[in-house]
Amino acid sequence: MADVIKLSVFAVICCAITLTVRAYRPELAQQAAVAAGAMVLIYAMEKLGGIFGEIKTMLETYGVPSELLTVLIKLTGIVYLVQFAADACRDANETAIAGRVELAGRIMIVSLCIPCIKQAMDMIARLMEGAG
């Protein structure tokens, strides 16, 4: 809970700073907002290590291949980075670029999921052969 409070206070302070900078130096306000967003993202990414550690333990406990954890980590990274980039583009009033970034992210996510889907389909086929 304390981390959420720290993060929220930091974000509000960054917004106040960005608004102040925008009033006096509008050309620097965008950079201030992107820097603040990057710091928030880095802070959040640090918390992901513990989450992935727990997921790895669960996967090992149930005998799930470790490649799935690698895919999960990559997917999570893509989602966060694409969202950050698209939001930065929107903040700069570049909605068309933001849309293309999101589309590219979706394509990357699908391409990462295809091997997992194939693996699941192979497993289902083996189970059906064994049941028949």
N, C-alpha and C. Protein backbone atom coordinates (compact mmCIF):
# COMPACT_ATOMS: atom_id res chain seq x y z
N MET A 1 0.82 -1.19 0.00
CA MET A 1 0.00 0.00 0.00
C MET A 1 0.87 1.26 0.00
N ALA A 2 1.97 1.20 0.76
CA ALA A 2 2.86 2.36 0.82
C ALA A 2 3.45 2.68 -0.55
N ASP A 3 3.74 1.63 -1.33
CA ASP A 3 4.28 1.85 -2.67
C ASP A 3 3.28 2.57 -3.57
N VAL A 4 2.02 2.21 -3.45
CA VAL A 4 0.98 2.86 -4.26
C VAL A 4 0.86 4.32 -3.87
N ILE A 5 0.94 4.60 -2.57
CA ILE A 5 0.86 5.99 -2.11
C ILE A 5 2.05 6.78 -2.63
N LYS A 6 3.26 6.21 -2.53
CA LYS A 6 4.46 6.90 -3.03
C LYS A 6 4.33 7.18 -4.53
N LEU A 7 3.90 6.18 -5.26
CA LEU A 7 3.76 6.33 -6.70
C LEU A 7 2.73 7.39 -7.05
N SER A 8 1.62 7.38 -6.35
CA SER A 8 0.55 8.36 -6.61
C SER A 8 1.01 9.78 -6.30
N VAL A 9 1.68 9.95 -5.16
CA VAL A 9 2.19 11.28 -4.79
C VAL A 9 3.21 11.75 -5.82
N PHE A 10 4.10 10.85 -6.23
CA PHE A 10 5.10 11.19 -7.24
C PHE A 10 4.42 11.64 -8.53
N ALA A 11 3.40 10.91 -8.97
CA ALA A 11 2.70 11.25 -10.21
C ALA A 11 2.02 12.61 -10.11
N VAL A 12 1.39 12.90 -8.99
CA VAL A 12 0.72 14.19 -8.82
C VAL A 12 1.75 15.32 -8.82
N ILE A 13 2.87 15.12 -8.15
CA ILE A 13 3.93 16.14 -8.14
C ILE A 13 4.47 16.36 -9.55
N CYS A 14 4.67 15.27 -10.29
CA CYS A 14 5.14 15.39 -11.67
C CYS A 14 4.14 16.16 -12.54
N CYS A 15 2.86 15.91 -12.32
CA CYS A 15 1.84 16.65 -13.07
C CYS A 15 1.91 18.14 -12.75
N ALA A 16 2.09 18.47 -11.48
CA ALA A 16 2.18 19.88 -11.09
C ALA A 16 3.42 20.53 -11.71
N ILE A 17 4.53 19.81 -11.70
CA ILE A 17 5.75 20.34 -12.30
C ILE A 17 5.56 20.54 -13.80
N THR A 18 4.96 19.55 -14.47
CA THR A 18 4.73 19.65 -15.90
C THR A 18 3.82 20.83 -16.24
N LEU A 19 2.77 21.03 -15.45
CA LEU A 19 1.88 22.18 -15.68
C LEU A 19 2.62 23.50 -15.50
N THR A 20 3.47 23.56 -14.49
CA THR A 20 4.25 24.78 -14.25
C THR A 20 5.22 25.03 -15.40
N VAL A 21 5.91 23.99 -15.82
CA VAL A 21 6.85 24.12 -16.94
C VAL A 21 6.10 24.54 -18.20
N ARG A 22 4.93 23.97 -18.43
CA ARG A 22 4.14 24.30 -19.62
C ARG A 22 3.77 25.79 -19.65
N ALA A 23 3.54 26.37 -18.48
CA ALA A 23 3.16 27.78 -18.42
C ALA A 23 4.32 28.69 -18.84
N TYR A 24 5.56 28.29 -18.54
CA TYR A 24 6.71 29.16 -18.81
C TYR A 24 7.53 28.71 -20.01
N ARG A 25 7.62 27.40 -20.21
CA ARG A 25 8.41 26.85 -21.32
C ARG A 25 7.66 25.68 -21.95
N PRO A 26 6.65 25.98 -22.76
CA PRO A 26 5.80 24.90 -23.31
C PRO A 26 6.58 23.83 -24.07
N GLU A 27 7.69 24.23 -24.68
CA GLU A 27 8.46 23.27 -25.47
C GLU A 27 9.13 22.21 -24.60
N LEU A 28 9.30 22.50 -23.31
CA LEU A 28 9.94 21.53 -22.41
C LEU A 28 8.93 20.67 -21.65
N ALA A 29 7.67 21.05 -21.69
CA ALA A 29 6.66 20.31 -20.92
C ALA A 29 6.53 18.86 -21.38
N GLN A 30 6.61 18.64 -22.68
CA GLN A 30 6.49 17.28 -23.20
C GLN A 30 7.63 16.40 -22.70
N GLN A 31 8.85 16.94 -22.71
CA GLN A 31 9.99 16.16 -22.23
C GLN A 31 9.85 15.86 -20.74
N ALA A 32 9.34 16.81 -19.98
CA ALA A 32 9.14 16.59 -18.55
C ALA A 32 8.11 15.48 -18.32
N ALA A 33 7.05 15.48 -19.10
CA ALA A 33 6.01 14.46 -18.96
C ALA A 33 6.54 13.07 -19.35
N VAL A 34 7.31 13.01 -20.42
CA VAL A 34 7.88 11.72 -20.84
C VAL A 34 8.87 11.21 -19.80
N ALA A 35 9.69 12.10 -19.27
CA ALA A 35 10.65 11.69 -18.23
C ALA A 35 9.92 11.16 -16.99
N ALA A 36 8.89 11.85 -16.58
CA ALA A 36 8.11 11.41 -15.42
C ALA A 36 7.48 10.04 -15.69
N GLY A 37 6.92 9.88 -16.88
CA GLY A 37 6.32 8.60 -17.24
C GLY A 37 7.33 7.47 -17.26
N ALA A 38 8.52 7.76 -17.75
CA ALA A 38 9.58 6.75 -17.78
C ALA A 38 9.98 6.35 -16.36
N MET A 39 10.06 7.32 -15.46
CA MET A 39 10.42 7.00 -14.07
C MET A 39 9.35 6.13 -13.41
N VAL A 40 8.09 6.44 -13.68
CA VAL A 40 7.00 5.62 -13.12
C VAL A 40 7.08 4.20 -13.70
N LEU A 41 7.34 4.09 -15.00
CA LEU A 41 7.44 2.79 -15.64
C LEU A 41 8.60 1.98 -15.07
N ILE A 42 9.74 2.61 -14.88
CA ILE A 42 10.90 1.92 -14.31
C ILE A 42 10.58 1.43 -12.90
N TYR A 43 9.93 2.26 -12.11
CA TYR A 43 9.54 1.88 -10.75
C TYR A 43 8.62 0.65 -10.78
N ALA A 44 7.66 0.66 -11.69
CA ALA A 44 6.73 -0.46 -11.79
C ALA A 44 7.44 -1.73 -12.28
N MET A 45 8.37 -1.58 -13.20
CA MET A 45 9.10 -2.73 -13.73
C MET A 45 9.90 -3.44 -12.64
N GLU A 46 10.41 -2.67 -11.68
CA GLU A 46 11.16 -3.27 -10.58
C GLU A 46 10.29 -4.24 -9.79
N LYS A 47 9.02 -3.96 -9.70
CA LYS A 47 8.09 -4.81 -8.95
C LYS A 47 7.78 -6.11 -9.69
N LEU A 48 7.99 -6.12 -11.00
CA LEU A 48 7.67 -7.30 -11.79
C LEU A 48 8.57 -8.49 -11.47
N GLY A 49 9.78 -8.24 -10.99
CA GLY A 49 10.70 -9.33 -10.69
C GLY A 49 10.11 -10.33 -9.71
N GLY A 50 9.51 -9.83 -8.64
CA GLY A 50 8.89 -10.71 -7.65
C GLY A 50 7.71 -11.48 -8.22
N ILE A 51 6.95 -10.82 -9.06
CA ILE A 51 5.79 -11.48 -9.67
C ILE A 51 6.25 -12.63 -10.56
N PHE A 52 7.26 -12.37 -11.39
CA PHE A 52 7.73 -13.42 -12.28
C PHE A 52 8.40 -14.55 -11.50
N GLY A 53 9.03 -14.24 -10.37
CA GLY A 53 9.60 -15.29 -9.52
C GLY A 53 8.52 -16.23 -9.02
N GLU A 54 7.41 -15.68 -8.58
CA GLU A 54 6.29 -16.50 -8.10
C GLU A 54 5.70 -17.33 -9.23
N ILE A 55 5.56 -16.73 -10.40
CA ILE A 55 5.01 -17.46 -11.54
C ILE A 55 5.95 -18.60 -11.93
N LYS A 56 7.25 -18.35 -11.90
CA LYS A 56 8.23 -19.39 -12.23
C LYS A 56 8.10 -20.56 -11.26
N THR A 57 7.95 -20.26 -9.97
CA THR A 57 7.79 -21.31 -8.97
C THR A 57 6.54 -22.14 -9.26
N MET A 58 5.44 -21.48 -9.59
CA MET A 58 4.21 -22.20 -9.90
C MET A 58 4.37 -23.07 -11.14
N LEU A 59 5.03 -22.54 -12.17
CA LEU A 59 5.23 -23.31 -13.39
C LEU A 59 6.07 -24.55 -13.12
N GLU A 60 7.14 -24.39 -12.32
CA GLU A 60 7.99 -25.53 -11.99
C GLU A 60 7.23 -26.56 -11.16
N THR A 61 6.40 -26.09 -10.24
CA THR A 61 5.62 -26.99 -9.38
C THR A 61 4.70 -27.88 -10.21
N TYR A 62 4.10 -27.32 -11.24
CA TYR A 62 3.14 -28.07 -12.04
C TYR A 62 3.74 -28.63 -13.32
N GLY A 63 5.05 -28.51 -13.49
CA GLY A 63 5.72 -29.12 -14.63
C GLY A 63 5.44 -28.44 -15.97
N VAL A 64 5.17 -27.16 -15.94
CA VAL A 64 4.93 -26.41 -17.18
C VAL A 64 6.29 -25.98 -17.74
N PRO A 65 6.50 -26.10 -19.05
CA PRO A 65 7.80 -25.73 -19.64
C PRO A 65 8.19 -24.28 -19.32
N SER A 66 9.48 -24.08 -19.06
CA SER A 66 9.96 -22.74 -18.69
C SER A 66 9.88 -21.75 -19.85
N GLU A 67 9.76 -22.27 -21.08
CA GLU A 67 9.63 -21.37 -22.23
C GLU A 67 8.39 -20.50 -22.10
N LEU A 68 7.37 -21.02 -21.42
CA LEU A 68 6.15 -20.23 -21.25
C LEU A 68 6.40 -19.00 -20.38
N LEU A 69 7.28 -19.13 -19.39
CA LEU A 69 7.62 -17.97 -18.56
C LEU A 69 8.34 -16.93 -19.41
N THR A 70 9.23 -17.38 -20.26
CA THR A 70 9.94 -16.46 -21.15
C THR A 70 8.95 -15.70 -22.03
N VAL A 71 8.00 -16.42 -22.58
CA VAL A 71 6.98 -15.79 -23.42
C VAL A 71 6.16 -14.80 -22.59
N LEU A 72 5.79 -15.19 -21.38
CA LEU A 72 5.01 -14.31 -20.51
C LEU A 72 5.77 -13.02 -20.20
N ILE A 73 7.05 -13.14 -19.92
CA ILE A 73 7.87 -11.95 -19.64
C ILE A 73 7.94 -11.05 -20.87
N LYS A 74 8.16 -11.65 -22.03
CA LYS A 74 8.21 -10.85 -23.26
C LYS A 74 6.88 -10.17 -23.54
N LEU A 75 5.79 -10.90 -23.36
CA LEU A 75 4.46 -10.32 -23.59
C LEU A 75 4.21 -9.15 -22.66
N THR A 76 4.56 -9.32 -21.41
CA THR A 76 4.36 -8.24 -20.44
C THR A 76 5.18 -7.02 -20.82
N GLY A 77 6.43 -7.24 -21.21
CA GLY A 77 7.27 -6.13 -21.64
C GLY A 77 6.70 -5.41 -22.85
N ILE A 78 6.23 -6.17 -23.82
CA ILE A 78 5.64 -5.56 -25.01
C ILE A 78 4.44 -4.72 -24.64
N VAL A 79 3.56 -5.27 -23.82
CA VAL A 79 2.34 -4.55 -23.44
C VAL A 79 2.68 -3.23 -22.77
N TYR A 80 3.57 -3.26 -21.78
CA TYR A 80 3.90 -2.03 -21.06
C TYR A 80 4.62 -1.02 -21.94
N LEU A 81 5.58 -1.47 -22.71
CA LEU A 81 6.34 -0.54 -23.55
C LEU A 81 5.48 0.07 -24.65
N VAL A 82 4.63 -0.74 -25.26
CA VAL A 82 3.75 -0.22 -26.31
C VAL A 82 2.77 0.79 -25.72
N GLN A 83 2.21 0.47 -24.56
CA GLN A 83 1.28 1.40 -23.92
C GLN A 83 1.98 2.72 -23.59
N PHE A 84 3.20 2.64 -23.06
CA PHE A 84 3.96 3.84 -22.72
C PHE A 84 4.25 4.66 -23.98
N ALA A 85 4.69 4.00 -25.04
CA ALA A 85 5.01 4.71 -26.28
C ALA A 85 3.76 5.34 -26.89
N ALA A 86 2.66 4.60 -26.91
CA ALA A 86 1.42 5.13 -27.48
C ALA A 86 0.91 6.31 -26.67
N ASP A 87 0.99 6.21 -25.36
CA ASP A 87 0.56 7.34 -24.51
C ASP A 87 1.43 8.57 -24.75
N ALA A 88 2.74 8.36 -24.90
CA ALA A 88 3.63 9.49 -25.17
C ALA A 88 3.28 10.13 -26.52
N CYS A 89 2.96 9.30 -27.51
CA CYS A 89 2.55 9.84 -28.81
C CYS A 89 1.25 10.63 -28.69
N ARG A 90 0.30 10.11 -27.94
CA ARG A 90 -0.97 10.83 -27.76
C ARG A 90 -0.75 12.14 -27.01
N ASP A 91 0.14 12.13 -26.02
CA ASP A 91 0.44 13.37 -25.30
C ASP A 91 1.01 14.43 -26.23
N ALA A 92 1.69 13.98 -27.28
CA ALA A 92 2.25 14.90 -28.27
C ALA A 92 1.27 15.17 -29.41
N ASN A 93 0.01 14.76 -29.23
CA ASN A 93 -1.04 14.92 -30.23
C ASN A 93 -0.74 14.19 -31.54
N GLU A 94 -0.04 13.10 -31.44
CA GLU A 94 0.27 12.26 -32.61
C GLU A 94 -0.52 10.96 -32.50
N THR A 95 -1.84 11.08 -32.64
CA THR A 95 -2.70 9.92 -32.45
C THR A 95 -2.52 8.86 -33.54
N ALA A 96 -2.19 9.28 -34.75
CA ALA A 96 -1.98 8.31 -35.82
C ALA A 96 -0.77 7.43 -35.51
N ILE A 97 0.30 8.05 -35.05
CA ILE A 97 1.49 7.27 -34.69
C ILE A 97 1.16 6.35 -33.51
N ALA A 98 0.42 6.85 -32.54
CA ALA A 98 0.03 6.04 -31.38
C ALA A 98 -0.74 4.80 -31.84
N GLY A 99 -1.64 4.98 -32.77
CA GLY A 99 -2.41 3.85 -33.28
C GLY A 99 -1.54 2.82 -33.97
N ARG A 100 -0.54 3.29 -34.73
CA ARG A 100 0.37 2.37 -35.43
C ARG A 100 1.24 1.62 -34.44
N VAL A 101 1.67 2.31 -33.37
CA VAL A 101 2.47 1.65 -32.34
C VAL A 101 1.65 0.53 -31.70
N GLU A 102 0.38 0.82 -31.39
CA GLU A 102 -0.48 -0.19 -30.79
C GLU A 102 -0.72 -1.37 -31.74
N LEU A 103 -0.91 -1.08 -33.02
CA LEU A 103 -1.09 -2.15 -34.00
C LEU A 103 0.16 -3.03 -34.07
N ALA A 104 1.32 -2.40 -34.13
CA ALA A 104 2.57 -3.15 -34.18
C ALA A 104 2.72 -4.01 -32.93
N GLY A 105 2.35 -3.47 -31.78
CA GLY A 105 2.41 -4.24 -30.53
C GLY A 105 1.51 -5.45 -30.58
N ARG A 106 0.30 -5.27 -31.11
CA ARG A 106 -0.63 -6.41 -31.22
C ARG A 106 -0.08 -7.49 -32.13
N ILE A 107 0.53 -7.07 -33.22
CA ILE A 107 1.12 -8.04 -34.15
C ILE A 107 2.26 -8.80 -33.46
N MET A 108 3.09 -8.09 -32.70
CA MET A 108 4.18 -8.76 -31.98
C MET A 108 3.64 -9.75 -30.96
N ILE A 109 2.56 -9.38 -30.28
CA ILE A 109 1.96 -10.26 -29.28
C ILE A 109 1.44 -11.53 -29.95
N VAL A 110 0.75 -11.39 -31.07
CA VAL A 110 0.23 -12.56 -31.78
C VAL A 110 1.38 -13.45 -32.23
N SER A 111 2.45 -12.85 -32.75
CA SER A 111 3.58 -13.66 -33.22
C SER A 111 4.25 -14.42 -32.08
N LEU A 112 4.26 -13.85 -30.88
CA LEU A 112 4.82 -14.56 -29.73
C LEU A 112 3.90 -15.68 -29.25
N CYS A 113 2.60 -15.52 -29.44
CA CYS A 113 1.63 -16.51 -28.95
C CYS A 113 1.51 -17.73 -29.85
N ILE A 114 1.85 -17.61 -31.11
CA ILE A 114 1.65 -18.71 -32.05
C ILE A 114 2.36 -20.00 -31.62
N PRO A 115 3.63 -19.97 -31.20
CA PRO A 115 4.25 -21.23 -30.75
C PRO A 115 3.52 -21.85 -29.54
N CYS A 116 3.02 -21.02 -28.64
CA CYS A 116 2.29 -21.54 -27.48
C CYS A 116 0.98 -22.17 -27.91
N ILE A 117 0.31 -21.54 -28.86
CA ILE A 117 -0.95 -22.10 -29.37
C ILE A 117 -0.69 -23.43 -30.06
N LYS A 118 0.39 -23.50 -30.85
CA LYS A 118 0.74 -24.75 -31.52
C LYS A 118 1.03 -25.83 -30.50
N GLN A 119 1.76 -25.49 -29.45
CA GLN A 119 2.08 -26.44 -28.40
C GLN A 119 0.81 -26.95 -27.72
N ALA A 120 -0.12 -26.05 -27.45
CA ALA A 120 -1.39 -26.45 -26.83
C ALA A 120 -2.19 -27.35 -27.76
N MET A 121 -2.21 -27.03 -29.04
CA MET A 121 -2.94 -27.85 -30.01
C MET A 121 -2.32 -29.25 -30.12
N ASP A 122 -0.99 -29.32 -30.11
CA ASP A 122 -0.31 -30.62 -30.14
C ASP A 122 -0.68 -31.45 -28.91
N MET A 123 -0.72 -30.79 -27.75
CA MET A 123 -1.05 -31.48 -26.51
C MET A 123 -2.50 -32.00 -26.56
N ILE A 124 -3.40 -31.19 -27.06
CA ILE A 124 -4.80 -31.60 -27.19
C ILE A 124 -4.92 -32.79 -28.15
N ALA A 125 -4.19 -32.73 -29.26
CA ALA A 125 -4.22 -33.83 -30.23
C ALA A 125 -3.71 -35.12 -29.60
N ARG A 126 -2.63 -35.04 -28.82
CA ARG A 126 -2.10 -36.24 -28.15
C ARG A 126 -3.10 -36.79 -27.14
N LEU A 127 -3.76 -35.90 -26.41
CA LEU A 127 -4.76 -36.35 -25.43
C LEU A 127 -5.94 -37.03 -26.13
N MET A 128 -6.34 -36.49 -27.25
CA MET A 128 -7.47 -37.08 -27.99
C MET A 128 -7.10 -38.43 -28.58
N GLU A 129 -5.85 -38.58 -29.04
CA GLU A 129 -5.39 -39.87 -29.57
C GLU A 129 -5.37 -40.92 -28.46
N GLY A 130 -4.91 -40.50 -27.28
CA GLY A 130 -4.84 -41.42 -26.15
C GLY A 130 -6.21 -41.82 -25.63
N ALA A 131 -7.19 -40.93 -25.78
CA ALA A 131 -8.54 -41.22 -25.29
C ALA A 131 -9.32 -42.09 -26.27
N GLY A 132 -8.88 -42.09 -27.51
CA GLY A 132 -9.65 -42.79 -28.55
C GLY A 132 -9.20 -44.15 -28.77
